[in-house]
């Protein structure tokens, strides 16, 4: 299922690509980028709207259209700092008690996402 997060013209989008933050402006070269947990910033004039993305892909087309495909996208102002801290602590505990490689990997993914959520709230 595809959910359209943004279906409007904007001035710039900054995406959290695995290779680093990537700014996308009109006329950007066609690109495909894997996204890591982090902040998607949407710039419309002087207004900036920020979303937390857990992961996904950005497809920038030669016609100045960018498709952001995200597993989860949440407005940063809707994040609950207490739940983020609790989730981080829970996943750290799961990592400490993990006995299989799969359990360790799942816990590490949870830590990575919650660490990025925490950075989004404090940054």
Protein backbone atom coordinates (compact mmCIF):
# COMPACT_ATOMS: atom_id res chain seq x y z
CA UNK A 1 0.00 0.00 0.00
CA UNK A 2 1.27 3.45 -0.87
CA UNK A 3 0.29 6.45 1.23
CA UNK A 4 0.89 9.89 -0.23
CA UNK A 5 2.42 12.00 2.51
CA UNK A 6 2.73 15.08 0.34
CA UNK A 7 0.92 15.84 -2.85
CA UNK A 8 1.78 19.48 -3.34
CA UNK A 9 4.40 21.78 -4.78
CA UNK A 10 7.06 22.88 -2.29
CA UNK A 11 10.31 24.85 -2.46
CA UNK A 12 12.63 22.20 -1.06
CA UNK A 13 12.63 18.87 0.73
CA UNK A 14 15.49 17.58 2.90
CA UNK A 15 15.49 13.80 3.28
CA UNK A 16 17.47 11.60 5.70
CA UNK A 17 19.32 9.47 3.13
CA UNK A 18 21.64 6.70 4.27
CA UNK A 19 24.53 8.61 2.66
CA UNK A 20 23.62 11.76 4.61
CA UNK A 21 21.05 14.55 4.48
CA UNK A 22 19.98 15.23 0.90
CA UNK A 23 18.35 18.48 -0.19
CA UNK A 24 15.98 18.23 -3.14
CA UNK A 25 15.19 21.40 -5.10
CA UNK A 26 13.28 21.88 -8.37
CA UNK A 27 15.46 20.67 -11.23
CA UNK A 28 17.32 18.14 -9.05
CA UNK A 29 19.04 15.37 -10.97
CA UNK A 30 17.08 12.11 -11.07
CA UNK A 31 18.07 10.08 -8.01
CA UNK A 32 17.06 7.09 -5.93
CA UNK A 33 18.06 7.18 -2.27
CA UNK A 34 17.50 4.77 0.60
CA UNK A 35 16.22 6.57 3.68
CA UNK A 36 17.33 5.97 7.25
CA UNK A 37 15.41 6.86 10.40
CA UNK A 38 15.39 10.64 10.66
CA UNK A 39 13.72 13.92 9.80
CA UNK A 40 12.10 14.83 6.49
CA UNK A 41 11.91 18.65 6.28
CA UNK A 42 9.43 20.21 3.87
CA UNK A 43 10.14 23.85 3.04
CA UNK A 44 7.33 26.06 1.70
CA UNK A 45 8.43 29.68 1.70
CA UNK A 46 9.31 30.50 5.32
CA UNK A 47 7.35 27.53 6.68
CA UNK A 48 9.12 24.27 7.51
CA UNK A 49 7.17 21.15 8.38
CA UNK A 50 9.09 18.23 9.85
CA UNK A 51 8.17 14.54 9.79
CA UNK A 52 9.94 11.62 11.40
CA UNK A 53 10.51 8.78 8.91
CA UNK A 54 11.42 5.32 10.12
CA UNK A 55 12.86 4.27 6.75
CA UNK A 56 11.99 4.11 3.08
CA UNK A 57 13.10 5.43 -0.29
CA UNK A 58 13.18 8.76 -2.11
CA UNK A 59 12.68 8.75 -5.86
CA UNK A 60 13.58 12.07 -7.44
CA UNK A 61 12.41 12.29 -11.05
CA UNK A 62 13.85 14.49 -13.79
CA UNK A 63 10.53 16.41 -13.99
CA UNK A 64 11.05 17.97 -10.50
CA UNK A 65 8.77 15.43 -8.79
CA UNK A 66 9.99 13.58 -5.71
CA UNK A 67 8.23 10.51 -4.36
CA UNK A 68 8.98 9.80 -0.71
CA UNK A 69 7.99 6.25 0.17
CA UNK A 70 8.13 5.74 3.93
CA UNK A 71 7.26 2.82 6.18
CA UNK A 72 6.14 5.31 8.84
CA UNK A 73 5.89 9.10 8.76
CA UNK A 74 4.82 11.10 11.81
CA UNK A 75 4.75 14.87 12.26
CA UNK A 76 7.52 15.68 14.76
CA UNK A 77 5.15 17.79 16.83
CA UNK A 78 3.05 14.67 17.49
CA UNK A 79 5.89 12.64 19.00
CA UNK A 80 5.62 11.91 22.73
CA UNK A 81 9.06 12.31 24.38
CA UNK A 82 8.06 10.00 27.27
CA UNK A 83 7.08 7.18 24.90
CA UNK A 84 10.29 7.64 22.93
CA UNK A 85 12.39 7.33 26.10
CA UNK A 86 10.40 4.31 27.24
CA UNK A 87 10.80 2.63 23.86
CA UNK A 88 14.53 3.28 23.85
CA UNK A 89 14.90 1.79 27.34
CA UNK A 90 12.76 -1.22 26.38
CA UNK A 91 14.84 -1.98 23.29
CA UNK A 92 18.11 -1.53 25.21
CA UNK A 93 16.83 -4.08 27.74
CA UNK A 94 15.85 -6.45 24.90
CA UNK A 95 19.35 -6.13 23.44
CA UNK A 96 20.91 -6.91 26.83
CA UNK A 97 18.83 -10.08 27.20
CA UNK A 98 18.85 -11.20 23.54
CA UNK A 99 20.17 -14.71 23.06
CA UNK A 100 19.91 -15.13 19.28
CA UNK A 101 21.24 -13.11 16.37
CA UNK A 102 17.67 -12.39 15.25
CA UNK A 103 16.70 -11.05 18.69
CA UNK A 104 19.85 -8.92 18.76
CA UNK A 105 19.16 -7.52 15.28
CA UNK A 106 15.53 -6.71 16.10
CA UNK A 107 16.55 -4.97 19.32
CA UNK A 108 19.27 -3.01 17.53
CA UNK A 109 16.78 -1.81 14.91
CA UNK A 110 14.49 -0.64 17.73
CA UNK A 111 17.39 1.18 19.38
CA UNK A 112 18.37 2.83 16.09
CA UNK A 113 14.82 4.06 15.41
CA UNK A 114 14.24 5.29 18.96
CA UNK A 115 17.64 7.00 19.03
CA UNK A 116 16.71 8.83 15.83
CA UNK A 117 13.31 9.72 17.34
CA UNK A 118 15.09 11.10 20.41
CA UNK A 119 17.45 13.14 18.21
CA UNK A 120 14.44 14.51 16.32
CA UNK A 121 12.92 15.72 19.58
CA UNK A 122 16.10 17.30 20.91
CA UNK A 123 17.49 18.65 17.63
